[in-house]
PDB file of N, CA and C in Angstrom:
ATOM      1  N   UNK A   1     101.193 101.794 -48.429  1.00  0.00           N
ATOM      2  CA  UNK A   1     101.533 101.323 -47.100  1.00  0.00           C
ATOM      3  C   UNK A   1     100.315 101.431 -46.197  1.00  0.00           C
ATOM      4  N   UNK A   2     100.157 100.497 -45.289  1.00  0.00           N
ATOM      5  CA  UNK A   2      99.030 100.594 -44.356  1.00  0.00           C
ATOM      6  C   UNK A   2      99.222 101.757 -43.379  1.00  0.00           C
ATOM      7  N   UNK A   3      98.125 102.261 -42.844  1.00  0.00           N
ATOM      8  CA  UNK A   3      98.194 103.378 -41.900  1.00  0.00           C
ATOM      9  C   UNK A   3      99.019 103.037 -40.666  1.00  0.00           C
ATOM     10  N   UNK A   4      99.130 101.756 -40.347  1.00  0.00           N
ATOM     11  CA  UNK A   4      99.876 101.331 -39.159  1.00  0.00           C
ATOM     12  C   UNK A   4     101.391 101.433 -39.341  1.00  0.00           C
ATOM     13  N   UNK A   5     101.850 101.607 -40.572  1.00  0.00           N
ATOM     14  CA  UNK A   5     103.287 101.724 -40.843  1.00  0.00           C
ATOM     15  C   UNK A   5     103.731 103.142 -40.517  1.00  0.00           C
ATOM     16  N   UNK A   6     104.489 103.300 -39.455  1.00  0.00           N
ATOM     17  CA  UNK A   6     104.922 104.625 -38.999  1.00  0.00           C
ATOM     18  C   UNK A   6     106.392 104.912 -39.268  1.00  0.00           C
ATOM     19  N   UNK A   7     107.188 103.867 -39.495  1.00  0.00           N
ATOM     20  CA  UNK A   7     108.619 104.037 -39.737  1.00  0.00           C
ATOM     21  C   UNK A   7     109.034 103.248 -40.974  1.00  0.00           C
ATOM     22  N   UNK A   8     109.826 103.884 -41.834  1.00  0.00           N
ATOM     23  CA  UNK A   8     110.453 103.197 -42.964  1.00  0.00           C
ATOM     24  C   UNK A   8     111.904 102.991 -42.558  1.00  0.00           C
ATOM     25  N   UNK A   9     112.295 101.758 -42.373  1.00  0.00           N
ATOM     26  CA  UNK A   9     113.640 101.437 -41.889  1.00  0.00           C
ATOM     27  C   UNK A   9     114.722 101.726 -42.925  1.00  0.00           C
ATOM     28  N   UNK A  10     115.944 101.818 -42.454  1.00  0.00           N
ATOM     29  CA  UNK A  10     117.096 102.050 -43.323  1.00  0.00           C
ATOM     30  C   UNK A  10     117.156 100.996 -44.423  1.00  0.00           C
ATOM     31  N   UNK A  11     117.384 101.466 -45.635  1.00  0.00           N
ATOM     32  CA  UNK A  11     117.540 100.622 -46.823  1.00  0.00           C
ATOM     33  C   UNK A  11     116.300  99.798 -47.165  1.00  0.00           C
ATOM     34  N   UNK A  12     115.133 100.128 -46.600  1.00  0.00           N
ATOM     35  CA  UNK A  12     113.911  99.337 -46.819  1.00  0.00           C
ATOM     36  C   UNK A  12     113.565  99.199 -48.298  1.00  0.00           C
ATOM     37  N   UNK A  13     113.667 100.269 -49.060  1.00  0.00           N
ATOM     38  CA  UNK A  13     113.339 100.234 -50.487  1.00  0.00           C
ATOM     39  C   UNK A  13     114.547 100.626 -51.343  1.00  0.00           C
ATOM     40  N   UNK A  14     115.715 100.647 -50.770  1.00  0.00           N
ATOM     41  CA  UNK A  14     116.919 101.081 -51.468  1.00  0.00           C
ATOM     42  C   UNK A  14     117.132 100.290 -52.756  1.00  0.00           C
ATOM     43  N   UNK A  15     117.397 101.028 -53.824  1.00  0.00           N
ATOM     44  CA  UNK A  15     117.680 100.461 -55.151  1.00  0.00           C
ATOM     45  C   UNK A  15     116.505  99.680 -55.737  1.00  0.00           C
ATOM     46  N   UNK A  16     115.288  99.967 -55.288  1.00  0.00           N
ATOM     47  CA  UNK A  16     114.089  99.310 -55.803  1.00  0.00           C
ATOM     48  C   UNK A  16     113.665 100.025 -57.085  1.00  0.00           C
ATOM     49  N   UNK A  17     114.144  99.539 -58.215  1.00  0.00           N
ATOM     50  CA  UNK A  17     113.934 100.206 -59.498  1.00  0.00           C
ATOM     51  C   UNK A  17     112.491 100.219 -59.972  1.00  0.00           C
ATOM     52  N   UNK A  18     111.654  99.327 -59.477  1.00  0.00           N
ATOM     53  CA  UNK A  18     110.273  99.250 -59.952  1.00  0.00           C
ATOM     54  C   UNK A  18     109.308 100.123 -59.141  1.00  0.00           C
ATOM     55  N   UNK A  19     109.756 100.693 -58.050  1.00  0.00           N
ATOM     56  CA  UNK A  19     108.893 101.517 -57.202  1.00  0.00           C
ATOM     57  C   UNK A  19     108.660 102.873 -57.862  1.00  0.00           C
ATOM     58  N   UNK A  20     107.393 103.161 -58.199  1.00  0.00           N
ATOM     59  CA  UNK A  20     107.040 104.426 -58.835  1.00  0.00           C
ATOM     60  C   UNK A  20     106.264 105.347 -57.912  1.00  0.00           C
ATOM     61  N   UNK A  21     105.367 104.801 -57.133  1.00  0.00           N
ATOM     62  CA  UNK A  21     104.516 105.588 -56.240  1.00  0.00           C
ATOM     63  C   UNK A  21     104.487 104.960 -54.865  1.00  0.00           C
ATOM     64  N   UNK A  22     104.412 105.798 -53.845  1.00  0.00           N
ATOM     65  CA  UNK A  22     104.250 105.300 -52.477  1.00  0.00           C
ATOM     66  C   UNK A  22     103.586 106.410 -51.659  1.00  0.00           C
ATOM     67  N   UNK A  23     102.649 106.026 -50.821  1.00  0.00           N
ATOM     68  CA  UNK A  23     101.947 106.982 -49.983  1.00  0.00           C
ATOM     69  C   UNK A  23     102.598 106.997 -48.608  1.00  0.00           C
ATOM     70  N   UNK A  24     103.165 108.122 -48.243  1.00  0.00           N
ATOM     71  CA  UNK A  24     103.882 108.257 -46.973  1.00  0.00           C
ATOM     72  C   UNK A  24     103.159 109.193 -46.006  1.00  0.00           C
ATOM     73  N   UNK A  25     101.878 109.453 -46.245  1.00  0.00           N
ATOM     74  CA  UNK A  25     101.141 110.433 -45.438  1.00  0.00           C
ATOM     75  C   UNK A  25     101.100 110.104 -43.951  1.00  0.00           C
ATOM     76  N   UNK A  26     101.083 108.825 -43.572  1.00  0.00           N
ATOM     77  CA  UNK A  26     100.983 108.450 -42.159  1.00  0.00           C
ATOM     78  C   UNK A  26     102.318 108.076 -41.530  1.00  0.00           C
ATOM     79  N   UNK A  27     103.398 108.181 -42.291  1.00  0.00           N
ATOM     80  CA  UNK A  27     104.719 107.791 -41.806  1.00  0.00           C
ATOM     81  C   UNK A  27     105.307 108.910 -40.943  1.00  0.00           C
ATOM     82  N   UNK A  28     105.909 108.530 -39.810  1.00  0.00           N
ATOM     83  CA  UNK A  28     106.526 109.495 -38.896  1.00  0.00           C
ATOM     84  C   UNK A  28     108.030 109.625 -39.075  1.00  0.00           C
ATOM     85  N   UNK A  29     108.696 108.540 -39.474  1.00  0.00           N
ATOM     86  CA  UNK A  29     110.154 108.560 -39.591  1.00  0.00           C
ATOM     87  C   UNK A  29     110.595 107.787 -40.828  1.00  0.00           C
ATOM     88  N   UNK A  30     111.520 108.380 -41.555  1.00  0.00           N
ATOM     89  CA  UNK A  30     112.125 107.743 -42.727  1.00  0.00           C
ATOM     90  C   UNK A  30     113.615 107.684 -42.436  1.00  0.00           C
ATOM     91  N   UNK A  31     114.122 106.494 -42.284  1.00  0.00           N
ATOM     92  CA  UNK A  31     115.500 106.307 -41.844  1.00  0.00           C
ATOM     93  C   UNK A  31     116.498 106.435 -43.012  1.00  0.00           C
ATOM     94  N   UNK A  32     117.784 106.355 -42.684  1.00  0.00           N
ATOM     95  CA  UNK A  32     118.858 106.513 -43.668  1.00  0.00           C
ATOM     96  C   UNK A  32     118.683 105.603 -44.872  1.00  0.00           C
ATOM     97  N   UNK A  33     118.877 106.178 -46.049  1.00  0.00           N
ATOM     98  CA  UNK A  33     118.886 105.444 -47.314  1.00  0.00           C
ATOM     99  C   UNK A  33     117.606 104.665 -47.601  1.00  0.00           C
ATOM    100  N   UNK A  34     116.497 105.023 -46.996  1.00  0.00           N
ATOM    101  CA  UNK A  34     115.255 104.265 -47.142  1.00  0.00           C
ATOM    102  C   UNK A  34     114.828 104.101 -48.597  1.00  0.00           C
ATOM    103  N   UNK A  35     114.975 105.145 -49.396  1.00  0.00           N
ATOM    104  CA  UNK A  35     114.576 105.099 -50.809  1.00  0.00           C
ATOM    105  C   UNK A  35     115.752 105.411 -51.732  1.00  0.00           C
ATOM    106  N   UNK A  36     116.949 105.345 -51.221  1.00  0.00           N
ATOM    107  CA  UNK A  36     118.152 105.647 -51.987  1.00  0.00           C
ATOM    108  C   UNK A  36     118.206 104.826 -53.282  1.00  0.00           C
ATOM    109  N   UNK A  37     118.368 105.505 -54.388  1.00  0.00           N
ATOM    110  CA  UNK A  37     118.529 104.819 -55.664  1.00  0.00           C
ATOM    111  C   UNK A  37     117.250 104.299 -56.286  1.00  0.00           C
ATOM    112  N   UNK A  38     116.100 104.744 -55.836  1.00  0.00           N
ATOM    113  CA  UNK A  38     114.822 104.355 -56.449  1.00  0.00           C
ATOM    114  C   UNK A  38     114.595 105.259 -57.658  1.00  0.00           C
ATOM    115  N   UNK A  39     115.238 104.933 -58.750  1.00  0.00           N
ATOM    116  CA  UNK A  39     115.256 105.803 -59.916  1.00  0.00           C
ATOM    117  C   UNK A  39     113.897 105.989 -60.577  1.00  0.00           C
ATOM    118  N   UNK A  40     112.962 105.072 -60.373  1.00  0.00           N
ATOM    119  CA  UNK A  40     111.634 105.194 -60.980  1.00  0.00           C
ATOM    120  C   UNK A  40     110.645 105.948 -60.100  1.00  0.00           C
ATOM    121  N   UNK A  41     111.039 106.264 -58.874  1.00  0.00           N
ATOM    122  CA  UNK A  41     110.128 106.914 -57.943  1.00  0.00           C
ATOM    123  C   UNK A  41     109.803 108.327 -58.422  1.00  0.00           C
ATOM    124  N   UNK A  42     108.534 108.546 -58.745  1.00  0.00           N
ATOM    125  CA  UNK A  42     108.079 109.866 -59.180  1.00  0.00           C
ATOM    126  C   UNK A  42     106.931 110.363 -58.306  1.00  0.00           C
ATOM    127  N   UNK A  43     106.114 109.438 -57.827  1.00  0.00           N
ATOM    128  CA  UNK A  43     104.920 109.780 -57.049  1.00  0.00           C
ATOM    129  C   UNK A  43     104.041 110.756 -57.811  1.00  0.00           C
ATOM    130  N   UNK A  44     103.936 110.565 -59.130  1.00  0.00           N
ATOM    131  CA  UNK A  44     103.137 111.457 -59.971  1.00  0.00           C
ATOM    132  C   UNK A  44     101.683 111.522 -59.516  1.00  0.00           C
ATOM    133  N   UNK A  45     101.130 110.399 -59.078  1.00  0.00           N
ATOM    134  CA  UNK A  45      99.737 110.395 -58.629  1.00  0.00           C
ATOM    135  C   UNK A  45      99.541 111.292 -57.417  1.00  0.00           C
ATOM    136  N   UNK A  46     100.598 111.519 -56.668  1.00  0.00           N
ATOM    137  CA  UNK A  46     100.522 112.325 -55.453  1.00  0.00           C
ATOM    138  C   UNK A  46     101.093 113.721 -55.661  1.00  0.00           C
ATOM    139  N   UNK A  47     101.580 113.995 -56.864  1.00  0.00           N
ATOM    140  CA  UNK A  47     102.221 115.289 -57.105  1.00  0.00           C
ATOM    141  C   UNK A  47     103.589 115.376 -56.457  1.00  0.00           C
ATOM    142  N   UNK A  48     104.230 114.249 -56.252  1.00  0.00           N
ATOM    143  CA  UNK A  48     105.511 114.186 -55.557  1.00  0.00           C
ATOM    144  C   UNK A  48     105.325 113.469 -54.239  1.00  0.00           C
ATOM    145  N   UNK A  49     106.330 113.424 -53.435  1.00  0.00           N
ATOM    146  CA  UNK A  49     106.259 112.756 -52.134  1.00  0.00           C
ATOM    147  C   UNK A  49     105.565 113.683 -51.141  1.00  0.00           C
ATOM    148  N   UNK A  50     104.507 113.194 -50.506  1.00  0.00           N
ATOM    149  CA  UNK A  50     103.794 113.976 -49.492  1.00  0.00           C
ATOM    150  C   UNK A  50     104.190 113.472 -48.111  1.00  0.00           C
ATOM    151  N   UNK A  51     104.705 114.366 -47.302  1.00  0.00           N
ATOM    152  CA  UNK A  51     105.208 114.027 -45.979  1.00  0.00           C
ATOM    153  C   UNK A  51     104.442 114.829 -44.935  1.00  0.00           C
ATOM    154  N   UNK A  52     103.288 114.332 -44.545  1.00  0.00           N
ATOM    155  CA  UNK A  52     102.402 115.073 -43.647  1.00  0.00           C
ATOM    156  C   UNK A  52     102.764 114.923 -42.184  1.00  0.00           C
ATOM    157  N   UNK A  53     103.130 113.724 -41.771  1.00  0.00           N
ATOM    158  CA  UNK A  53     103.330 113.423 -40.352  1.00  0.00           C
ATOM    159  C   UNK A  53     104.794 113.204 -39.981  1.00  0.00           C
ATOM    160  N   UNK A  54     105.689 113.322 -40.934  1.00  0.00           N
ATOM    161  CA  UNK A  54     107.086 112.950 -40.699  1.00  0.00           C
ATOM    162  C   UNK A  54     107.785 113.939 -39.759  1.00  0.00           C
ATOM    163  N   UNK A  55     108.487 113.405 -38.777  1.00  0.00           N
ATOM    164  CA  UNK A  55     109.254 114.249 -37.865  1.00  0.00           C
ATOM    165  C   UNK A  55     110.755 113.996 -38.001  1.00  0.00           C
ATOM    166  N   UNK A  56     111.136 112.934 -38.718  1.00  0.00           N
ATOM    167  CA  UNK A  56     112.563 112.635 -38.894  1.00  0.00           C
ATOM    168  C   UNK A  56     112.802 112.030 -40.270  1.00  0.00           C
ATOM    169  N   UNK A  57     113.814 112.564 -40.952  1.00  0.00           N
ATOM    170  CA  UNK A  57     114.249 112.017 -42.234  1.00  0.00           C
ATOM    171  C   UNK A  57     115.748 111.816 -42.145  1.00  0.00           C
ATOM    172  N   UNK A  58     116.196 110.588 -42.372  1.00  0.00           N
ATOM    173  CA  UNK A  58     117.606 110.249 -42.244  1.00  0.00           C
ATOM    174  C   UNK A  58     118.448 110.627 -43.449  1.00  0.00           C
ATOM    175  N   UNK A  59     119.749 110.464 -43.285  1.00  0.00           N
ATOM    176  CA  UNK A  59     120.712 110.755 -44.346  1.00  0.00           C
ATOM    177  C   UNK A  59     120.378 109.981 -45.617  1.00  0.00           C
ATOM    178  N   UNK A  60     120.497 110.655 -46.743  1.00  0.00           N
ATOM    179  CA  UNK A  60     120.340 110.051 -48.070  1.00  0.00           C
ATOM    180  C   UNK A  60     118.992 109.347 -48.271  1.00  0.00           C
ATOM    181  N   UNK A  61     117.970 109.719 -47.535  1.00  0.00           N
ATOM    182  CA  UNK A  61     116.678 109.023 -47.579  1.00  0.00           C
ATOM    183  C   UNK A  61     116.113 108.924 -48.995  1.00  0.00           C
ATOM    184  N   UNK A  62     116.237 109.991 -49.778  1.00  0.00           N
ATOM    185  CA  UNK A  62     115.728 109.987 -51.155  1.00  0.00           C
ATOM    186  C   UNK A  62     116.850 110.279 -52.153  1.00  0.00           C
ATOM    187  N   UNK A  63     118.068 110.043 -51.770  1.00  0.00           N
ATOM    188  CA  UNK A  63     119.212 110.290 -52.630  1.00  0.00           C
ATOM    189  C   UNK A  63     119.159 109.402 -53.877  1.00  0.00           C
ATOM    190  N   UNK A  64     119.540 109.974 -55.001  1.00  0.00           N
ATOM    191  CA  UNK A  64     119.595 109.263 -56.277  1.00  0.00           C
ATOM    192  C   UNK A  64     118.231 108.774 -56.761  1.00  0.00           C
ATOM    193  N   UNK A  65     117.182 109.467 -56.375  1.00  0.00           N
ATOM    194  CA  UNK A  65     115.843 109.242 -56.940  1.00  0.00           C
ATOM    195  C   UNK A  65     115.712 110.234 -58.092  1.00  0.00           C
ATOM    196  N   UNK A  66     116.334 109.921 -59.193  1.00  0.00           N
ATOM    197  CA  UNK A  66     116.547 110.874 -60.270  1.00  0.00           C
ATOM    198  C   UNK A  66     115.277 111.386 -60.947  1.00  0.00           C
ATOM    199  N   UNK A  67     114.143 110.739 -60.743  1.00  0.00           N
ATOM    200  CA  UNK A  67     112.889 111.204 -61.342  1.00  0.00           C
ATOM    201  C   UNK A  67     111.958 111.873 -60.344  1.00  0.00           C
ATOM    202  N   UNK A  68     112.378 111.982 -59.102  1.00  0.00           N
ATOM    203  CA  UNK A  68     111.542 112.606 -58.074  1.00  0.00           C
ATOM    204  C   UNK A  68     111.561 114.123 -58.264  1.00  0.00           C
ATOM    205  N   UNK A  69     110.381 114.718 -58.462  1.00  0.00           N
ATOM    206  CA  UNK A  69     110.333 116.140 -58.808  1.00  0.00           C
ATOM    207  C   UNK A  69     109.904 117.049 -57.664  1.00  0.00           C
ATOM    208  N   UNK A  70     109.338 116.484 -56.569  1.00  0.00           N
ATOM    209  CA  UNK A  70     108.944 117.362 -55.472  1.00  0.00           C
ATOM    210  C   UNK A  70     108.735 116.590 -54.178  1.00  0.00           C
ATOM    211  N   UNK A  71     108.772 117.349 -53.086  1.00  0.00           N
ATOM    212  CA  UNK A  71     108.437 116.837 -51.755  1.00  0.00           C
ATOM    213  C   UNK A  71     107.569 117.896 -51.093  1.00  0.00           C
ATOM    214  N   UNK A  72     106.481 117.460 -50.486  1.00  0.00           N
ATOM    215  CA  UNK A  72     105.559 118.379 -49.837  1.00  0.00           C
ATOM    216  C   UNK A  72     105.485 118.061 -48.355  1.00  0.00           C
ATOM    217  N   UNK A  73     105.766 119.056 -47.536  1.00  0.00           N
ATOM    218  CA  UNK A  73     105.666 118.922 -46.083  1.00  0.00           C
ATOM    219  C   UNK A  73     104.439 119.688 -45.626  1.00  0.00           C
ATOM    220  N   UNK A  74     103.617 119.048 -44.816  1.00  0.00           N
ATOM    221  CA  UNK A  74     102.434 119.695 -44.265  1.00  0.00           C
ATOM    222  C   UNK A  74     102.528 119.675 -42.751  1.00  0.00           C
ATOM    223  N   UNK A  75     102.157 120.779 -42.119  1.00  0.00           N
ATOM    224  CA  UNK A  75     102.239 120.848 -40.662  1.00  0.00           C
ATOM    225  C   UNK A  75     103.629 121.245 -40.219  1.00  0.00           C
ATOM    226  N   UNK A  76     104.068 120.679 -39.101  1.00  0.00           N
ATOM    227  CA  UNK A  76     105.378 121.008 -38.535  1.00  0.00           C
ATOM    228  C   UNK A  76     106.507 120.457 -39.405  1.00  0.00           C
ATOM    229  N   UNK A  77     107.558 121.221 -39.493  1.00  0.00           N
ATOM    230  CA  UNK A  77     108.740 120.764 -40.227  1.00  0.00           C
ATOM    231  C   UNK A  77     109.395 119.630 -39.453  1.00  0.00           C
ATOM    232  N   UNK A  78     110.066 118.710 -40.147  1.00  0.00           N
ATOM    233  CA  UNK A  78     110.764 117.627 -39.437  1.00  0.00           C
ATOM    234  C   UNK A  78     111.800 118.190 -38.466  1.00  0.00           C
ATOM    235  N   UNK A  79     111.822 117.664 -37.259  1.00  0.00           N
ATOM    236  CA  UNK A  79     112.800 118.132 -36.277  1.00  0.00           C
ATOM    237  C   UNK A  79     114.184 117.560 -36.550  1.00  0.00           C
ATOM    238  N   UNK A  80     114.248 116.443 -37.250  1.00  0.00           N
ATOM    239  CA  UNK A  80     115.514 115.833 -37.647  1.00  0.00           C
ATOM    240  C   UNK A  80     115.524 115.707 -39.163  1.00  0.00           C
ATOM    241  N   UNK A  81     116.513 116.342 -39.781  1.00  0.00           N
ATOM    242  CA  UNK A  81     116.628 116.333 -41.234  1.00  0.00           C
ATOM    243  C   UNK A  81     118.068 115.972 -41.566  1.00  0.00           C
ATOM    244  N   UNK A  82     118.280 114.794 -42.123  1.00  0.00           N
ATOM    245  CA  UNK A  82     119.626 114.290 -42.373  1.00  0.00           C
ATOM    246  C   UNK A  82     120.376 115.026 -43.467  1.00  0.00           C
ATOM    247  N   UNK A  83     121.582 114.552 -43.718  1.00  0.00           N
ATOM    248  CA  UNK A  83     122.437 115.110 -44.768  1.00  0.00           C
ATOM    249  C   UNK A  83     122.011 114.604 -46.134  1.00  0.00           C
ATOM    250  N   UNK A  84     122.097 115.457 -47.112  1.00  0.00           N
ATOM    251  CA  UNK A  84     121.816 115.154 -48.522  1.00  0.00           C
ATOM    252  C   UNK A  84     120.592 114.250 -48.705  1.00  0.00           C
ATOM    253  N   UNK A  85     119.523 114.599 -48.046  1.00  0.00           N
ATOM    254  CA  UNK A  85     118.272 113.827 -48.123  1.00  0.00           C
ATOM    255  C   UNK A  85     117.771 113.733 -49.558  1.00  0.00           C
ATOM    256  N   UNK A  86     117.847 114.830 -50.291  1.00  0.00           N
ATOM    257  CA  UNK A  86     117.325 114.866 -51.659  1.00  0.00           C
ATOM    258  C   UNK A  86     118.434 115.082 -52.693  1.00  0.00           C
ATOM    259  N   UNK A  87     119.579 114.468 -52.514  1.00  0.00           N
ATOM    260  CA  UNK A  87     120.689 114.606 -53.462  1.00  0.00           C
ATOM    261  C   UNK A  87     120.397 113.833 -54.747  1.00  0.00           C
ATOM    262  N   UNK A  88     120.761 114.417 -55.862  1.00  0.00           N
ATOM    263  CA  UNK A  88     120.650 113.768 -57.176  1.00  0.00           C
ATOM    264  C   UNK A  88     119.223 113.361 -57.526  1.00  0.00           C
ATOM    265  N   UNK A  89     118.278 114.281 -57.275  1.00  0.00           N
ATOM    266  CA  UNK A  89     116.898 114.076 -57.702  1.00  0.00           C
ATOM    267  C   UNK A  89     116.708 114.819 -59.021  1.00  0.00           C
ATOM    268  N   UNK A  90     115.481 114.931 -59.517  1.00  0.00           N
ATOM    269  CA  UNK A  90     115.216 115.606 -60.791  1.00  0.00           C
ATOM    270  C   UNK A  90     115.764 117.035 -60.767  1.00  0.00           C
ATOM    271  N   UNK A  91     116.203 117.504 -61.918  1.00  0.00           N
ATOM    272  CA  UNK A  91     116.815 118.832 -61.997  1.00  0.00           C
ATOM    273  C   UNK A  91     115.838 119.953 -61.645  1.00  0.00           C
ATOM    274  N   UNK A  92     114.545 119.705 -61.792  1.00  0.00           N
ATOM    275  CA  UNK A  92     113.542 120.722 -61.458  1.00  0.00           C
ATOM    276  C   UNK A  92     112.886 120.459 -60.096  1.00  0.00           C
ATOM    277  N   UNK A  93     113.540 119.687 -59.234  1.00  0.00           N
ATOM    278  CA  UNK A  93     113.001 119.314 -57.923  1.00  0.00           C
ATOM    279  C   UNK A  93     112.665 120.547 -57.083  1.00  0.00           C
ATOM    280  N   UNK A  94     111.497 120.467 -56.403  1.00  0.00           N
ATOM    281  CA  UNK A  94     111.059 121.556 -55.537  1.00  0.00           C
ATOM    282  C   UNK A  94     110.578 120.982 -54.210  1.00  0.00           C
ATOM    283  N   UNK A  95     110.747 121.759 -53.149  1.00  0.00           N
ATOM    284  CA  UNK A  95     110.211 121.410 -51.836  1.00  0.00           C
ATOM    285  C   UNK A  95     109.108 122.402 -51.517  1.00  0.00           C
ATOM    286  N   UNK A  96     107.950 121.866 -51.150  1.00  0.00           N
ATOM    287  CA  UNK A  96     106.813 122.691 -50.757  1.00  0.00           C
ATOM    288  C   UNK A  96     106.565 122.482 -49.271  1.00  0.00           C
ATOM    289  N   UNK A  97     106.233 123.561 -48.588  1.00  0.00           N
ATOM    290  CA  UNK A  97     105.963 123.489 -47.156  1.00  0.00           C
ATOM    291  C   UNK A  97     104.693 124.262 -46.863  1.00  0.00           C
ATOM    292  N   UNK A  98     103.738 123.572 -46.262  1.00  0.00           N
ATOM    293  CA  UNK A  98     102.470 124.189 -45.887  1.00  0.00           C
ATOM    294  C   UNK A  98     102.288 124.059 -44.391  1.00  0.00           C
ATOM    295  N   UNK A  99     101.884 125.135 -43.761  1.00  0.00           N
ATOM    296  CA  UNK A  99     101.693 125.126 -42.316  1.00  0.00           C
ATOM    297  C   UNK A  99     100.332 125.728 -41.987  1.00  0.00           C
ATOM    298  N   UNK A 100      99.698 125.206 -40.953  1.00  0.00           N
ATOM    299  CA  UNK A 100      98.417 125.739 -40.496  1.00  0.00           C
ATOM    300  C   UNK A 100      98.622 126.918 -39.557  1.00  0.00           C
ATOM    301  N   UNK A 101      99.860 127.237 -39.270  1.00  0.00           N
ATOM    302  CA  UNK A 101     100.153 128.313 -38.310  1.00  0.00           C
ATOM    303  C   UNK A 101      99.759 129.660 -38.910  1.00  0.00           C
ATOM    304  N   UNK A 102      99.206 130.509 -38.088  1.00  0.00           N
ATOM    305  CA  UNK A 102      98.785 131.835 -38.529  1.00  0.00           C
ATOM    306  C   UNK A 102      99.753 132.862 -38.014  1.00  0.00           C
TER     307      UNK A 102
END
């Protein structure tokens, strides 16, 4: 995605079976069901989904992404975090959170 893309709208990539990798480092908001059902989404090149600038994640945003193994948050935690954002992802799914706060 280009750096100018700051919001992923609802259902933007929903059920997109061919989507394997996506760079979300500059995205601020991921709306409801944005990646719901993207079964091929692994983001292996990125070590999982990296969410550096995101402040809002909608309901079911990554639901049913059965191959997604991790999500990494850097900086401030999202102020809005929807319901079942990471439902039905890989069985070994992990969330990593890194903060510059001392």
